[in-house]
PDB file of N, CA and C in Angstrom:
ATOM      1  N   ILE A   1     -23.316  -0.029   0.554  1.00  0.00           N
ATOM      2  CA  ILE A   1     -23.914  -0.601   1.844  1.00  0.00           C
ATOM      3  C   ILE A   1     -25.224  -0.651   1.748  1.00  0.00           C
ATOM      4  N   CYS A   2     -24.738  -2.001   2.245  1.00  0.00           N
ATOM      5  CA  CYS A   2     -26.458  -3.331   2.133  1.00  0.00           C
ATOM      6  C   CYS A   2     -27.656  -2.601   3.411  1.00  0.00           C
ATOM      7  N   PRO A   3     -28.993  -2.991   1.664  1.00  0.00           N
ATOM      8  CA  PRO A   3     -30.015  -1.877   2.179  1.00  0.00           C
ATOM      9  C   PRO A   3     -30.493  -2.784   3.697  1.00  0.00           C
ATOM     10  N   LYS A   4     -30.008  -4.384   3.839  1.00  0.00           N
ATOM     11  CA  LYS A   4     -30.501  -4.748   5.114  1.00  0.00           C
ATOM     12  C   LYS A   4     -30.232  -4.701   6.114  1.00  0.00           C
ATOM     13  N   CYS A   5     -28.538  -4.156   6.144  1.00  0.00           N
ATOM     14  CA  CYS A   5     -28.003  -4.139   7.673  1.00  0.00           C
ATOM     15  C   CYS A   5     -27.498  -3.301   8.042  1.00  0.00           C
ATOM     16  N   GLY A   6     -26.445  -3.069   6.908  1.00  0.00           N
ATOM     17  CA  GLY A   6     -26.036  -0.956   7.054  1.00  0.00           C
ATOM     18  C   GLY A   6     -24.692  -1.269   7.160  1.00  0.00           C
ATOM     19  N   ASN A   7     -24.245  -3.119   6.244  1.00  0.00           N
ATOM     20  CA  ASN A   7     -23.112  -2.413   6.254  1.00  0.00           C
ATOM     21  C   ASN A   7     -22.322  -2.265   4.835  1.00  0.00           C
ATOM     22  N   ARG A   8     -20.800  -2.306   5.028  1.00  0.00           N
ATOM     23  CA  ARG A   8     -20.504  -1.623   4.312  1.00  0.00           C
ATOM     24  C   ARG A   8     -19.410  -2.299   2.739  1.00  0.00           C
ATOM     25  N   GLU A   9     -19.134  -3.561   3.452  1.00  0.00           N
ATOM     26  CA  GLU A   9     -18.622  -4.243   2.587  1.00  0.00           C
ATOM     27  C   GLU A   9     -19.524  -5.409   1.357  1.00  0.00           C
ATOM     28  N   ALA A  10     -19.765  -5.348   0.534  1.00  0.00           N
ATOM     29  CA  ALA A  10     -19.480  -6.473  -0.865  1.00  0.00           C
ATOM     30  C   ALA A  10     -19.850  -6.859  -1.443  1.00  0.00           C
ATOM     31  N   TYR A  11     -19.441  -8.371  -1.410  1.00  0.00           N
ATOM     32  CA  TYR A  11     -18.639  -8.334  -3.000  1.00  0.00           C
ATOM     33  C   TYR A  11     -19.965  -8.381  -4.119  1.00  0.00           C
ATOM     34  N   TYR A  12     -19.209  -8.044  -6.035  1.00  0.00           N
ATOM     35  CA  TYR A  12     -20.055  -7.521  -6.343  1.00  0.00           C
ATOM     36  C   TYR A  12     -19.771  -8.265  -7.413  1.00  0.00           C
ATOM     37  N   TRP A  13     -20.616  -8.186  -9.040  1.00  0.00           N
ATOM     38  CA  TRP A  13     -20.665  -8.901  -9.993  1.00  0.00           C
ATOM     39  C   TRP A  13     -21.254  -8.721 -10.863  1.00  0.00           C
ATOM     40  N   ALA A  14     -21.047  -8.410 -12.055  1.00  0.00           N
ATOM     41  CA  ALA A  14     -21.176  -7.610 -13.352  1.00  0.00           C
ATOM     42  C   ALA A  14     -22.248  -8.686 -13.755  1.00  0.00           C
ATOM     43  N   VAL A  15     -23.502  -8.846 -14.677  1.00  0.00           N
ATOM     44  CA  VAL A  15     -23.657  -9.102 -15.476  1.00  0.00           C
ATOM     45  C   VAL A  15     -24.658  -8.115 -16.476  1.00  0.00           C
ATOM     46  N   GLN A  16     -24.619  -9.273 -17.756  1.00  0.00           N
ATOM     47  CA  GLN A  16     -25.006  -8.222 -18.939  1.00  0.00           C
ATOM     48  C   GLN A  16     -26.497  -9.718 -19.091  1.00  0.00           C
ATOM     49  N   THR A  17     -27.849  -8.545 -18.130  1.00  0.00           N
ATOM     50  CA  THR A  17     -29.202  -9.398 -18.501  1.00  0.00           C
ATOM     51  C   THR A  17     -29.477  -9.126 -19.190  1.00  0.00           C
ATOM     52  N   ARG A  18     -29.522  -8.149 -20.317  1.00  0.00           N
ATOM     53  CA  ARG A  18     -30.646  -8.241 -21.702  1.00  0.00           C
ATOM     54  C   ARG A  18     -29.930  -8.621 -22.416  1.00  0.00           C
ATOM     55  N   SER A  19     -29.714  -7.392 -23.699  1.00  0.00           N
ATOM     56  CA  SER A  19     -29.341  -7.368 -25.010  1.00  0.00           C
ATOM     57  C   SER A  19     -27.972  -6.794 -25.264  1.00  0.00           C
ATOM     58  N   ALA A  20     -26.935  -6.752 -25.767  1.00  0.00           N
ATOM     59  CA  ALA A  20     -25.750  -6.156 -25.525  1.00  0.00           C
ATOM     60  C   ALA A  20     -25.135  -5.398 -25.156  1.00  0.00           C
ATOM     61  N   ASP A  21     -26.472  -3.998 -25.527  1.00  0.00           N
ATOM     62  CA  ASP A  21     -26.612  -3.064 -25.482  1.00  0.00           C
ATOM     63  C   ASP A  21     -27.794  -2.708 -24.789  1.00  0.00           C
ATOM     64  N   GLU A  22     -27.654  -2.999 -23.403  1.00  0.00           N
ATOM     65  CA  GLU A  22     -27.877  -2.669 -22.727  1.00  0.00           C
ATOM     66  C   GLU A  22     -27.288  -2.591 -21.483  1.00  0.00           C
ATOM     67  N   PRO A  23     -27.274  -1.847 -20.659  1.00  0.00           N
ATOM     68  CA  PRO A  23     -26.230  -1.688 -19.056  1.00  0.00           C
ATOM     69  C   PRO A  23     -26.332  -3.146 -18.788  1.00  0.00           C
ATOM     70  N   MET A  24     -25.066  -3.245 -18.065  1.00  0.00           N
ATOM     71  CA  MET A  24     -24.204  -3.593 -17.305  1.00  0.00           C
ATOM     72  C   MET A  24     -25.361  -3.529 -16.109  1.00  0.00           C
ATOM     73  N   THR A  25     -26.044  -5.108 -14.975  1.00  0.00           N
ATOM     74  CA  THR A  25     -26.140  -4.475 -14.009  1.00  0.00           C
ATOM     75  C   THR A  25     -25.479  -5.516 -12.711  1.00  0.00           C
ATOM     76  N   ARG A  26     -24.991  -5.079 -11.995  1.00  0.00           N
ATOM     77  CA  ARG A  26     -23.966  -5.482 -11.687  1.00  0.00           C
ATOM     78  C   ARG A  26     -24.991  -5.661  -9.289  1.00  0.00           C
ATOM     79  N   PHE A  27     -24.540  -6.981  -9.761  1.00  0.00           N
ATOM     80  CA  PHE A  27     -25.649  -7.829  -8.188  1.00  0.00           C
ATOM     81  C   PHE A  27     -23.936  -7.768  -6.459  1.00  0.00           C
ATOM     82  N   PHE A  28     -24.525  -7.416  -5.833  1.00  0.00           N
ATOM     83  CA  PHE A  28     -24.308  -7.383  -4.801  1.00  0.00           C
ATOM     84  C   PHE A  28     -24.339  -8.657  -3.650  1.00  0.00           C
ATOM     85  N   ARG A  29     -23.355  -8.572  -3.034  1.00  0.00           N
ATOM     86  CA  ARG A  29     -23.627  -9.339  -1.648  1.00  0.00           C
ATOM     87  C   ARG A  29     -23.151  -9.210  -0.423  1.00  0.00           C
ATOM     88  N   CYS A  30     -23.311  -9.153   0.512  1.00  0.00           N
ATOM     89  CA  CYS A  30     -23.274  -8.832   2.035  1.00  0.00           C
ATOM     90  C   CYS A  30     -22.228  -9.314   2.490  1.00  0.00           C
ATOM     91  N   THR A  31     -21.230  -8.473   2.861  1.00  0.00           N
ATOM     92  CA  THR A  31     -20.463 -10.081   3.892  1.00  0.00           C
ATOM     93  C   THR A  31     -21.001 -10.224   5.159  1.00  0.00           C
ATOM     94  N   LYS A  32     -21.287  -9.511   5.379  1.00  0.00           N
ATOM     95  CA  LYS A  32     -21.973  -9.963   7.339  1.00  0.00           C
ATOM     96  C   LYS A  32     -23.252 -10.875   7.410  1.00  0.00           C
ATOM     97  N   CYS A  33     -24.156 -10.244   6.031  1.00  0.00           N
ATOM     98  CA  CYS A  33     -25.362 -10.676   6.562  1.00  0.00           C
ATOM     99  C   CYS A  33     -25.931 -10.972   4.960  1.00  0.00           C
ATOM    100  N   GLY A  34     -25.472 -10.887   4.433  1.00  0.00           N
ATOM    101  CA  GLY A  34     -25.497 -12.907   3.052  1.00  0.00           C
ATOM    102  C   GLY A  34     -26.672 -11.619   1.791  1.00  0.00           C
ATOM    103  N   TYR A  35     -27.690 -10.820   2.699  1.00  0.00           N
ATOM    104  CA  TYR A  35     -28.129 -10.105   1.465  1.00  0.00           C
ATOM    105  C   TYR A  35     -27.654  -9.856   0.720  1.00  0.00           C
ATOM    106  N   THR A  36     -28.587 -10.165  -0.959  1.00  0.00           N
ATOM    107  CA  THR A  36     -28.095  -9.556  -2.096  1.00  0.00           C
ATOM    108  C   THR A  36     -29.351  -8.854  -2.883  1.00  0.00           C
ATOM    109  N   TRP A  37     -29.163  -8.165  -3.799  1.00  0.00           N
ATOM    110  CA  TRP A  37     -29.676  -6.926  -4.388  1.00  0.00           C
ATOM    111  C   TRP A  37     -28.652  -6.059  -5.817  1.00  0.00           C
ATOM    112  N   ARG A  38     -29.354  -6.229  -6.522  1.00  0.00           N
ATOM    113  CA  ARG A  38     -28.754  -5.317  -7.643  1.00  0.00           C
ATOM    114  C   ARG A  38     -29.163  -3.884  -8.294  1.00  0.00           C
ATOM    115  N   GLU A  39     -28.388  -3.980  -8.470  1.00  0.00           N
ATOM    116  CA  GLU A  39     -28.332  -2.222  -9.435  1.00  0.00           C
ATOM    117  C   GLU A  39     -27.839  -2.221 -10.569  1.00  0.00           C
ATOM    118  N   TYR A  40     -28.316  -0.663 -11.289  1.00  0.00           N
ATOM    119  CA  TYR A  40     -27.816  -0.785 -12.729  1.00  0.00           C
ATOM    120  C   TYR A  40     -27.007   0.620 -12.476  1.00  0.00           C
ATOM    121  N   ASP A  41     -26.378  -0.150 -13.745  1.00  0.00           N
ATOM    122  CA  ASP A  41     -25.224   1.384 -14.564  1.00  0.00           C
ATOM    123  C   ASP A  41     -26.217   2.482 -14.965  1.00  0.00           C
TER     124      ASP A  41
END
């Protein structure tokens, strides 16, 4: 759910942002307002 507009649809992709033994970081982009945020596993 988009923290900015509350939309329930978003694109997401996962990136290894730090060292290989760190968990993946997931980036989300809202399909409605275009806001991008990230979550850590």
